[in-house]
Amino acid sequence: MGFVLVYMFRYMLKGVTVDYFIELLQDNPRAVSSTISLGLITCIPLFTYYRNRKLYKTLYGIFAAVVIYAGIVIAYRFELF
């Protein structure tokens, strides 16, 4: 969801199409890392919501997904794959 929000507010307003946006991300690792990092920030409200509701198993699952996602971002940024 965060990835879509970043596209909508950062690129769609400039008239960038989805196809060109994906090509841009494939050609520029720096754009990928910044876009995905901004997308990860959108998980903060989820952390807060599930923590306040004391739904810790769900919170751990979200945290694990974010850690895996961040690991992929770091690996892609430094061209490890």
N, C-alpha and C. Protein backbone atom coordinates (compact mmCIF):
# COMPACT_ATOMS: atom_id res chain seq x y z
N MET A 1 0.82 -1.19 0.00
CA MET A 1 0.00 0.00 0.00
C MET A 1 0.86 1.25 0.00
N GLY A 2 1.93 1.22 0.75
CA GLY A 2 2.82 2.37 0.80
C GLY A 2 3.48 2.65 -0.54
N PHE A 3 3.80 1.58 -1.25
CA PHE A 3 4.40 1.71 -2.57
C PHE A 3 3.46 2.45 -3.52
N VAL A 4 2.18 2.12 -3.45
CA VAL A 4 1.16 2.77 -4.30
C VAL A 4 1.01 4.24 -3.91
N LEU A 5 1.01 4.52 -2.62
CA LEU A 5 0.90 5.91 -2.17
C LEU A 5 2.09 6.75 -2.63
N VAL A 6 3.27 6.18 -2.55
CA VAL A 6 4.45 6.90 -3.02
C VAL A 6 4.33 7.21 -4.51
N TYR A 7 3.88 6.23 -5.28
CA TYR A 7 3.69 6.46 -6.72
C TYR A 7 2.68 7.58 -6.95
N MET A 8 1.56 7.51 -6.24
CA MET A 8 0.49 8.49 -6.47
C MET A 8 0.93 9.90 -6.14
N PHE A 9 1.61 10.09 -5.02
CA PHE A 9 1.96 11.44 -4.59
C PHE A 9 3.26 11.96 -5.19
N ARG A 10 4.15 11.06 -5.56
CA ARG A 10 5.45 11.51 -6.03
C ARG A 10 5.58 11.51 -7.55
N TYR A 11 4.99 10.54 -8.21
CA TYR A 11 5.18 10.40 -9.65
C TYR A 11 3.93 10.66 -10.47
N MET A 12 2.79 10.25 -10.00
CA MET A 12 1.57 10.41 -10.78
C MET A 12 1.23 11.88 -10.97
N LEU A 13 1.52 12.71 -9.98
CA LEU A 13 1.25 14.14 -10.09
C LEU A 13 2.11 14.80 -11.16
N LYS A 14 3.24 14.19 -11.48
CA LYS A 14 4.12 14.72 -12.52
C LYS A 14 3.77 14.16 -13.89
N GLY A 15 2.74 13.32 -13.97
CA GLY A 15 2.31 12.76 -15.24
C GLY A 15 3.05 11.51 -15.67
N VAL A 16 3.71 10.85 -14.74
CA VAL A 16 4.45 9.63 -15.05
C VAL A 16 3.48 8.45 -15.07
N THR A 17 3.52 7.67 -16.13
CA THR A 17 2.65 6.50 -16.22
C THR A 17 3.21 5.35 -15.38
N VAL A 18 2.39 4.38 -15.10
CA VAL A 18 2.81 3.23 -14.31
C VAL A 18 3.91 2.45 -15.03
N ASP A 19 3.77 2.28 -16.34
CA ASP A 19 4.79 1.56 -17.12
C ASP A 19 6.14 2.24 -17.03
N TYR A 20 6.15 3.57 -17.20
CA TYR A 20 7.41 4.30 -17.13
C TYR A 20 7.97 4.28 -15.71
N PHE A 21 7.09 4.33 -14.71
CA PHE A 21 7.52 4.27 -13.32
C PHE A 21 8.23 2.96 -13.02
N ILE A 22 7.69 1.85 -13.50
CA ILE A 22 8.31 0.54 -13.29
C ILE A 22 9.65 0.46 -14.03
N GLU A 23 9.72 0.99 -15.24
CA GLU A 23 10.99 1.02 -15.97
C GLU A 23 12.01 1.86 -15.24
N LEU A 24 11.58 2.98 -14.68
CA LEU A 24 12.47 3.85 -13.92
C LEU A 24 13.04 3.11 -12.72
N LEU A 25 12.21 2.35 -12.04
CA LEU A 25 12.67 1.61 -10.88
C LEU A 25 13.63 0.48 -11.27
N GLN A 26 13.41 -0.13 -12.43
CA GLN A 26 14.29 -1.20 -12.87
C GLN A 26 15.67 -0.68 -13.27
N ASP A 27 15.71 0.53 -13.78
CA ASP A 27 16.97 1.09 -14.27
C ASP A 27 17.76 1.85 -13.22
N ASN A 28 17.13 2.22 -12.12
CA ASN A 28 17.78 3.09 -11.15
C ASN A 28 17.63 2.52 -9.73
N PRO A 29 18.65 1.82 -9.22
CA PRO A 29 18.55 1.25 -7.87
C PRO A 29 18.34 2.29 -6.78
N ARG A 30 18.86 3.49 -6.99
CA ARG A 30 18.69 4.54 -5.99
C ARG A 30 17.21 4.94 -5.86
N ALA A 31 16.52 5.02 -6.98
CA ALA A 31 15.09 5.35 -6.95
C ALA A 31 14.30 4.25 -6.27
N VAL A 32 14.72 3.01 -6.47
CA VAL A 32 14.02 1.89 -5.83
C VAL A 32 14.16 1.97 -4.32
N SER A 33 15.37 2.18 -3.85
CA SER A 33 15.57 2.19 -2.40
C SER A 33 14.83 3.34 -1.74
N SER A 34 14.84 4.51 -2.36
CA SER A 34 14.13 5.64 -1.74
C SER A 34 12.62 5.43 -1.79
N THR A 35 12.11 4.92 -2.89
CA THR A 35 10.68 4.69 -3.02
C THR A 35 10.19 3.63 -2.04
N ILE A 36 10.90 2.55 -1.93
CA ILE A 36 10.49 1.48 -1.04
C ILE A 36 10.68 1.89 0.42
N SER A 37 11.71 2.65 0.71
CA SER A 37 11.91 3.13 2.07
C SER A 37 10.76 4.03 2.50
N LEU A 38 10.32 4.90 1.62
CA LEU A 38 9.16 5.73 1.94
C LEU A 38 7.91 4.87 2.10
N GLY A 39 7.83 3.81 1.33
CA GLY A 39 6.71 2.89 1.48
C GLY A 39 6.71 2.19 2.82
N LEU A 40 7.90 1.88 3.33
CA LEU A 40 7.99 1.21 4.64
C LEU A 40 7.53 2.12 5.77
N ILE A 41 7.69 3.42 5.59
CA ILE A 41 7.27 4.36 6.62
C ILE A 41 5.76 4.29 6.84
N THR A 42 5.03 3.90 5.81
CA THR A 42 3.58 3.82 5.95
C THR A 42 3.15 2.69 6.87
N CYS A 43 4.06 1.84 7.29
CA CYS A 43 3.73 0.75 8.22
C CYS A 43 3.67 1.23 9.66
N ILE A 44 4.14 2.42 9.94
CA ILE A 44 4.15 2.93 11.31
C ILE A 44 2.75 2.96 11.93
N PRO A 45 1.72 3.43 11.20
CA PRO A 45 0.38 3.38 11.81
C PRO A 45 -0.09 1.96 12.13
N LEU A 46 0.30 0.99 11.31
CA LEU A 46 -0.06 -0.40 11.61
C LEU A 46 0.60 -0.87 12.90
N PHE A 47 1.87 -0.55 13.08
CA PHE A 47 2.56 -0.92 14.32
C PHE A 47 1.83 -0.33 15.52
N THR A 48 1.50 0.93 15.42
CA THR A 48 0.84 1.62 16.53
C THR A 48 -0.52 1.01 16.83
N TYR A 49 -1.29 0.77 15.79
CA TYR A 49 -2.64 0.20 15.96
C TYR A 49 -2.59 -1.15 16.65
N TYR A 50 -1.78 -2.06 16.13
CA TYR A 50 -1.74 -3.41 16.70
C TYR A 50 -1.07 -3.45 18.07
N ARG A 51 -0.16 -2.55 18.32
CA ARG A 51 0.46 -2.49 19.64
C ARG A 51 -0.55 -2.00 20.67
N ASN A 52 -1.31 -0.97 20.33
CA ASN A 52 -2.31 -0.45 21.26
C ASN A 52 -3.45 -1.43 21.50
N ARG A 53 -3.75 -2.29 20.55
CA ARG A 53 -4.80 -3.30 20.70
C ARG A 53 -4.27 -4.57 21.36
N LYS A 54 -2.97 -4.60 21.63
CA LYS A 54 -2.30 -5.73 22.25
C LYS A 54 -2.46 -7.01 21.43
N LEU A 55 -2.41 -6.87 20.12
CA LEU A 55 -2.45 -8.00 19.20
C LEU A 55 -1.01 -8.29 18.77
N TYR A 56 -0.25 -8.87 19.68
CA TYR A 56 1.18 -8.99 19.49
C TYR A 56 1.58 -9.98 18.41
N LYS A 57 0.82 -11.05 18.22
CA LYS A 57 1.18 -12.01 17.18
C LYS A 57 1.07 -11.37 15.80
N THR A 58 0.03 -10.58 15.60
CA THR A 58 -0.11 -9.87 14.33
C THR A 58 1.00 -8.84 14.18
N LEU A 59 1.31 -8.16 15.25
CA LEU A 59 2.39 -7.16 15.24
C LEU A 59 3.72 -7.80 14.88
N TYR A 60 4.01 -8.98 15.41
CA TYR A 60 5.25 -9.68 15.09
C TYR A 60 5.28 -10.08 13.61
N GLY A 61 4.14 -10.48 13.08
CA GLY A 61 4.07 -10.84 11.67
C GLY A 61 4.32 -9.64 10.77
N ILE A 62 3.73 -8.51 11.12
CA ILE A 62 3.97 -7.29 10.33
C ILE A 62 5.43 -6.89 10.43
N PHE A 63 5.99 -6.97 11.62
CA PHE A 63 7.40 -6.62 11.79
C PHE A 63 8.30 -7.54 10.98
N ALA A 64 8.01 -8.83 10.98
CA ALA A 64 8.81 -9.78 10.20
C ALA A 64 8.73 -9.46 8.71
N ALA A 65 7.54 -9.12 8.23
CA ALA A 65 7.38 -8.76 6.82
C ALA A 65 8.18 -7.51 6.48
N VAL A 66 8.17 -6.54 7.37
CA VAL A 66 8.92 -5.30 7.13
C VAL A 66 10.42 -5.58 7.13
N VAL A 67 10.89 -6.42 8.01
CA VAL A 67 12.32 -6.75 8.05
C VAL A 67 12.74 -7.47 6.77
N ILE A 68 11.93 -8.40 6.30
CA ILE A 68 12.24 -9.11 5.05
C ILE A 68 12.24 -8.13 3.88
N TYR A 69 11.23 -7.27 3.85
CA TYR A 69 11.10 -6.27 2.80
C TYR A 69 12.30 -5.32 2.81
N ALA A 70 12.71 -4.88 3.99
CA ALA A 70 13.86 -3.98 4.11
C ALA A 70 15.14 -4.70 3.69
N GLY A 71 15.26 -5.97 3.99
CA GLY A 71 16.43 -6.74 3.56
C GLY A 71 16.52 -6.82 2.05
N ILE A 72 15.38 -7.00 1.41
CA ILE A 72 15.36 -7.02 -0.06
C ILE A 72 15.76 -5.67 -0.62
N VAL A 73 15.30 -4.60 0.00
CA VAL A 73 15.66 -3.25 -0.44
C VAL A 73 17.17 -3.04 -0.33
N ILE A 74 17.74 -3.43 0.78
CA ILE A 74 19.18 -3.24 0.99
C ILE A 74 19.97 -4.09 0.00
N ALA A 75 19.54 -5.31 -0.21
CA ALA A 75 20.24 -6.18 -1.16
C ALA A 75 20.15 -5.62 -2.58
N TYR A 76 18.99 -5.10 -2.94
CA TYR A 76 18.83 -4.53 -4.28
C TYR A 76 19.63 -3.26 -4.43
N ARG A 77 19.66 -2.44 -3.37
CA ARG A 77 20.39 -1.17 -3.41
C ARG A 77 21.88 -1.39 -3.63
N PHE A 78 22.43 -2.39 -2.99
CA PHE A 78 23.86 -2.66 -3.12
C PHE A 78 24.15 -3.73 -4.16
N GLU A 79 23.14 -4.02 -5.00
CA GLU A 79 23.26 -4.92 -6.14
C GLU A 79 23.81 -6.29 -5.75
N LEU A 80 23.26 -6.86 -4.67
CA LEU A 80 23.68 -8.19 -4.24
C LEU A 80 22.98 -9.29 -5.00
N PHE A 81 21.93 -8.93 -5.73
CA PHE A 81 21.27 -9.90 -6.60
C PHE A 81 20.77 -9.21 -7.83
